[in-house]
């Protein structure tokens, strides 16, 4: 079967081409679609298996990163997205896409409530834009479809508002108890550590979340930016696999859809 991924573009999104290419390398049919065309029903969300909200600076990060795009999605596509989730399809949000998802309510979606915001991603503790390579340790107990079989990731971050904060400690404990924390920032030995290993000051070094089903996934680092070893500036040194660290995330999504549809 042809696995179809809809990669949103428009309104300042700027990692759509890389995200579409990553899905194409994972053997999906990936199409970059302007959000307005989805809202106007020129393109139907239900015709796709995967929805990707890429990184970028939608609406110039006005008000707060991802907030305007989140509202635009919520108040124009709520029913379509709700049906997409009920149909057990996959959604991934990367960097700005992750910010959009938490401000929409798609993550963490406790009690299967996909419309109420309970966490946020806000200004880095450093007070500046952080562009660096980071180490991630994957929570093996997580149900996340996208990270199956992955122990560690080495990816790049590019954000000014990536600090994960829950509304309160009770929310954080429920997320942890449900194993919805997918990845933590670590040092190069796999240990929890502070800045610069944790580039933004996220509570408990949280870098990625999934919903209770594992089918909706958001992360601050950019897997689409490391799908071949030449994406890394030190690629000529030993121990860099040809496909890069990010490609398996997209391959996992495509394989899961192939197995379930």
Protein backbone atom coordinates (compact mmCIF):
# COMPACT_ATOMS: atom_id res chain seq x y z
CA UNK A 1 0.00 0.00 0.00
CA UNK A 2 0.99 3.64 -0.37
CA UNK A 3 1.38 5.28 3.02
CA UNK A 4 0.39 8.93 2.61
CA UNK A 5 1.78 11.68 4.82
CA UNK A 6 0.36 15.21 4.81
CA UNK A 7 3.08 17.70 5.71
CA UNK A 8 1.64 21.09 6.59
CA UNK A 9 3.18 24.23 5.16
CA UNK A 10 2.42 27.95 5.07
CA UNK A 11 2.25 30.80 7.60
CA UNK A 12 5.97 30.66 8.46
CA UNK A 13 6.50 26.89 8.67
CA UNK A 14 9.99 26.36 7.27
CA UNK A 15 11.02 22.73 7.78
CA UNK A 16 8.31 21.27 5.56
CA UNK A 17 10.61 20.28 2.70
CA UNK A 18 13.01 18.43 5.00
CA UNK A 19 10.13 16.69 6.78
CA UNK A 20 8.53 15.61 3.50
CA UNK A 21 11.90 14.35 2.25
CA UNK A 22 12.38 12.33 5.45
CA UNK A 23 9.02 10.62 4.92
CA UNK A 24 9.91 9.99 1.28
CA UNK A 25 13.16 8.33 2.35
CA UNK A 26 11.04 6.17 4.66
CA UNK A 27 9.06 5.05 1.57
CA UNK A 28 5.94 7.14 2.19
CA UNK A 29 4.14 9.35 -0.30
CA UNK A 30 4.64 12.74 1.33
CA UNK A 31 2.83 15.85 0.15
CA UNK A 32 3.45 19.40 1.32
CA UNK A 33 0.03 21.01 1.68
CA UNK A 34 -0.73 24.62 2.60
CA UNK A 35 -2.89 24.81 5.69
CA UNK A 36 -5.42 27.00 3.88
CA UNK A 37 -6.04 24.22 1.35
CA UNK A 38 -6.89 21.82 4.19
CA UNK A 39 -9.18 24.36 5.84
CA UNK A 40 -10.90 25.09 2.51
CA UNK A 41 -11.28 21.32 1.88
CA UNK A 42 -9.32 21.51 -1.36
CA UNK A 43 -7.34 18.70 0.24
CA UNK A 44 -9.01 16.22 2.61
CA UNK A 45 -7.17 15.25 5.78
CA UNK A 46 -9.00 11.93 5.85
CA UNK A 47 -7.21 10.87 2.64
CA UNK A 48 -3.91 10.62 4.54
CA UNK A 49 -2.49 8.26 7.15
CA UNK A 50 0.02 10.58 8.85
CA UNK A 51 -0.23 14.28 9.71
CA UNK A 52 3.06 16.12 10.23
CA UNK A 53 3.30 19.59 11.75
CA UNK A 54 6.89 20.59 10.97
CA UNK A 55 9.29 22.98 12.62
CA UNK A 56 9.56 26.62 11.76
CA UNK A 57 8.34 29.90 13.09
CA UNK A 58 4.65 29.91 12.31
CA UNK A 59 3.19 33.39 12.47
CA UNK A 60 6.60 34.70 13.52
CA UNK A 61 6.21 33.22 17.03
CA UNK A 62 3.89 36.14 17.83
CA UNK A 63 2.09 35.92 21.21
CA UNK A 64 3.90 32.63 21.94
CA UNK A 65 5.50 29.99 19.74
CA UNK A 66 2.84 27.87 18.08
CA UNK A 67 -0.12 29.58 19.75
CA UNK A 68 -1.68 31.19 16.67
CA UNK A 69 -1.26 28.10 14.50
CA UNK A 70 -2.70 25.96 17.30
CA UNK A 71 -5.81 28.16 17.42
CA UNK A 72 -6.10 28.18 13.64
CA UNK A 73 -6.08 24.37 13.64
CA UNK A 74 -8.39 24.04 16.63
CA UNK A 75 -11.07 26.42 15.37
CA UNK A 76 -10.99 25.32 11.73
CA UNK A 77 -10.06 21.63 11.75
CA UNK A 78 -11.19 20.32 15.13
CA UNK A 79 -13.69 17.82 13.72
CA UNK A 80 -11.32 16.55 11.02
CA UNK A 81 -8.48 16.10 13.50
CA UNK A 82 -10.83 14.41 15.96
CA UNK A 83 -11.86 11.93 13.26
CA UNK A 84 -8.22 11.44 12.26
CA UNK A 85 -7.43 10.43 15.85
CA UNK A 86 -10.49 8.18 16.10
CA UNK A 87 -9.37 6.45 12.90
CA UNK A 88 -6.14 5.54 14.74
CA UNK A 89 -3.88 7.45 12.40
CA UNK A 90 -0.58 9.08 13.35
CA UNK A 91 0.37 12.68 14.12
CA UNK A 92 3.89 14.04 14.64
CA UNK A 93 4.86 17.57 15.65
CA UNK A 94 8.47 18.70 15.49
CA UNK A 95 9.81 21.76 17.33
CA UNK A 96 7.24 24.46 16.43
CA UNK A 97 4.91 21.56 15.62
CA UNK A 98 5.36 20.27 19.17
CA UNK A 99 4.60 23.75 20.49
CA UNK A 100 1.44 23.80 18.38
CA UNK A 101 0.37 20.41 19.71
CA UNK A 102 0.69 21.28 23.39
CA UNK A 103 -1.14 24.59 22.91
CA UNK A 104 -3.91 22.85 20.95
CA UNK A 105 -4.18 20.18 23.66
CA UNK A 106 -3.18 17.23 21.47
CA UNK A 107 -0.44 16.51 24.00
CA UNK A 108 -0.36 15.15 26.61
CA UNK A 109 -4.11 14.50 26.17
CA UNK A 110 -4.65 13.08 29.64
CA UNK A 111 -7.98 11.24 29.94
CA UNK A 112 -8.13 11.38 26.12
CA UNK A 113 -8.86 15.10 26.29
CA UNK A 114 -7.25 16.43 23.11
CA UNK A 115 -8.48 20.01 23.41
CA UNK A 116 -7.35 21.33 26.80
CA UNK A 117 -3.86 22.69 27.31
CA UNK A 118 -2.18 21.34 30.46
CA UNK A 119 1.53 21.86 29.66
CA UNK A 120 3.52 24.41 27.73
CA UNK A 121 6.84 25.01 25.99
CA UNK A 122 8.23 28.41 26.89
CA UNK A 123 11.35 30.57 26.84
CA UNK A 124 14.72 28.85 27.25
CA UNK A 125 16.43 29.44 30.58
CA UNK A 126 19.41 30.82 28.66
CA UNK A 127 17.22 33.64 27.35
CA UNK A 128 18.42 33.04 23.82
CA UNK A 129 17.91 30.89 20.75
CA UNK A 130 19.69 27.53 21.14
CA UNK A 131 21.09 25.75 18.09
CA UNK A 132 23.08 22.70 19.13
CA UNK A 133 23.29 18.92 18.88
CA UNK A 134 21.75 17.06 21.79
CA UNK A 135 21.69 13.53 23.16
CA UNK A 136 18.35 11.91 23.87
CA UNK A 137 17.56 8.81 25.90
CA UNK A 138 14.34 7.06 24.88
CA UNK A 139 11.93 5.77 27.51
CA UNK A 140 11.60 2.10 26.56
CA UNK A 141 8.32 1.84 28.50
CA UNK A 142 6.66 4.45 26.32
CA UNK A 143 3.96 3.33 23.89
CA UNK A 144 5.23 5.78 21.27
CA UNK A 145 4.95 4.28 17.78
CA UNK A 146 7.64 6.55 16.35
CA UNK A 147 10.44 5.49 18.72
CA UNK A 148 9.98 1.71 18.72
CA UNK A 149 13.32 -0.08 18.85
CA UNK A 150 15.28 3.13 19.48
CA UNK A 151 17.44 3.49 22.61
CA UNK A 152 19.19 6.81 21.99
CA UNK A 153 19.09 9.67 19.51
CA UNK A 154 21.59 12.35 18.53
CA UNK A 155 19.71 15.26 16.98
CA UNK A 156 19.85 19.02 16.62
CA UNK A 157 17.69 21.59 18.42
CA UNK A 158 16.85 25.01 17.01
CA UNK A 159 14.51 26.94 19.26
CA UNK A 160 14.05 29.87 21.59
CA UNK A 161 11.01 28.47 23.44
CA UNK A 162 11.60 24.81 24.21
CA UNK A 163 11.37 24.67 28.00
CA UNK A 164 8.79 22.07 29.00
CA UNK A 165 6.65 23.09 31.97
CA UNK A 166 3.50 21.31 33.22
CA UNK A 167 0.58 23.26 34.63
CA UNK A 168 1.29 21.69 38.03
CA UNK A 169 3.17 18.80 39.59
CA UNK A 170 0.08 16.61 39.49
CA UNK A 171 0.01 16.83 35.70
CA UNK A 172 3.71 15.96 35.54
CA UNK A 173 3.26 12.91 37.77
CA UNK A 174 0.36 11.62 35.68
CA UNK A 175 2.37 12.03 32.47
CA UNK A 176 5.27 10.14 34.01
CA UNK A 177 3.04 7.41 35.47
CA UNK A 178 1.47 6.86 32.04
CA UNK A 179 4.93 6.64 30.46
CA UNK A 180 4.03 9.47 28.11
CA UNK A 181 7.48 10.99 28.47
CA UNK A 182 9.20 9.64 25.36
CA UNK A 183 12.68 11.16 25.61
CA UNK A 184 14.96 13.01 28.02
CA UNK A 185 17.94 15.23 27.29
CA UNK A 186 21.17 13.64 28.60
CA UNK A 187 24.91 14.21 28.52
CA UNK A 188 27.16 12.20 26.21
CA UNK A 189 27.25 9.37 28.75
CA UNK A 190 23.46 9.03 28.88
CA UNK A 191 23.06 10.72 32.25
CA UNK A 192 20.59 13.46 33.13
CA UNK A 193 22.51 16.74 33.18
CA UNK A 194 21.94 20.49 33.12
CA UNK A 195 22.81 23.16 30.58
CA UNK A 196 24.09 22.88 27.88
CA UNK A 197 23.04 19.20 27.72
CA UNK A 198 19.51 20.29 28.59
CA UNK A 199 19.40 23.20 26.15
CA UNK A 200 16.31 24.95 27.49
CA UNK A 201 15.81 24.06 31.16
CA UNK A 202 12.90 21.65 30.63
CA UNK A 203 11.49 20.13 33.81
CA UNK A 204 13.16 16.78 34.40
CA UNK A 205 14.97 17.17 31.04
CA UNK A 206 11.81 16.25 29.11
CA UNK A 207 12.33 16.55 25.35
CA UNK A 208 9.39 14.62 23.89
CA UNK A 209 5.88 13.42 24.74
CA UNK A 210 3.24 11.11 23.31
CA UNK A 211 -0.46 10.77 23.98
CA UNK A 212 -1.80 7.75 25.94
CA UNK A 213 -2.14 5.72 22.71
CA UNK A 214 1.41 6.36 21.49
CA UNK A 215 0.11 7.48 18.09
CA UNK A 216 0.51 11.22 18.66
CA UNK A 217 4.11 12.33 19.18
CA UNK A 218 5.81 15.67 19.73
CA UNK A 219 9.48 16.49 20.22
CA UNK A 220 11.63 19.60 20.28
CA UNK A 221 14.72 18.18 18.47
CA UNK A 222 14.63 17.81 14.69
CA UNK A 223 14.75 14.19 13.42
CA UNK A 224 14.25 15.38 9.82
CA UNK A 225 17.59 17.23 10.12
CA UNK A 226 19.57 14.01 10.64
CA UNK A 227 18.41 11.44 8.11
CA UNK A 228 21.85 10.89 6.56
CA UNK A 229 25.28 10.97 8.14
CA UNK A 230 26.29 13.94 5.98
CA UNK A 231 23.74 16.07 7.86
CA UNK A 232 26.18 16.21 10.77
CA UNK A 233 29.26 18.44 10.57
CA UNK A 234 31.49 15.63 11.90
CA UNK A 235 30.14 12.97 9.55
CA UNK A 236 33.60 11.96 8.30
CA UNK A 237 34.56 10.67 11.74
CA UNK A 238 33.81 7.06 12.77
CA UNK A 239 30.51 5.75 14.18
CA UNK A 240 28.12 7.73 12.02
CA UNK A 241 25.56 5.40 10.42
CA UNK A 242 24.62 6.21 6.83
CA UNK A 243 20.96 6.93 7.57
CA UNK A 244 21.52 9.25 10.50
CA UNK A 245 19.69 9.05 13.80
CA UNK A 246 16.42 10.61 12.70
CA UNK A 247 15.30 8.37 9.85
CA UNK A 248 14.07 5.44 12.03
CA UNK A 249 11.40 7.74 13.52
CA UNK A 250 9.82 8.15 10.08
CA UNK A 251 10.39 4.50 9.15
CA UNK A 252 8.61 3.37 12.31
CA UNK A 253 5.57 5.47 11.41
CA UNK A 254 5.41 4.13 7.86
CA UNK A 255 5.87 0.52 8.98
CA UNK A 256 3.14 0.84 11.62
CA UNK A 257 0.66 2.25 9.12
CA UNK A 258 1.56 -0.50 6.64
CA UNK A 259 0.87 -3.14 9.30
CA UNK A 260 -2.43 -1.63 10.48
CA UNK A 261 -4.16 -0.31 7.36
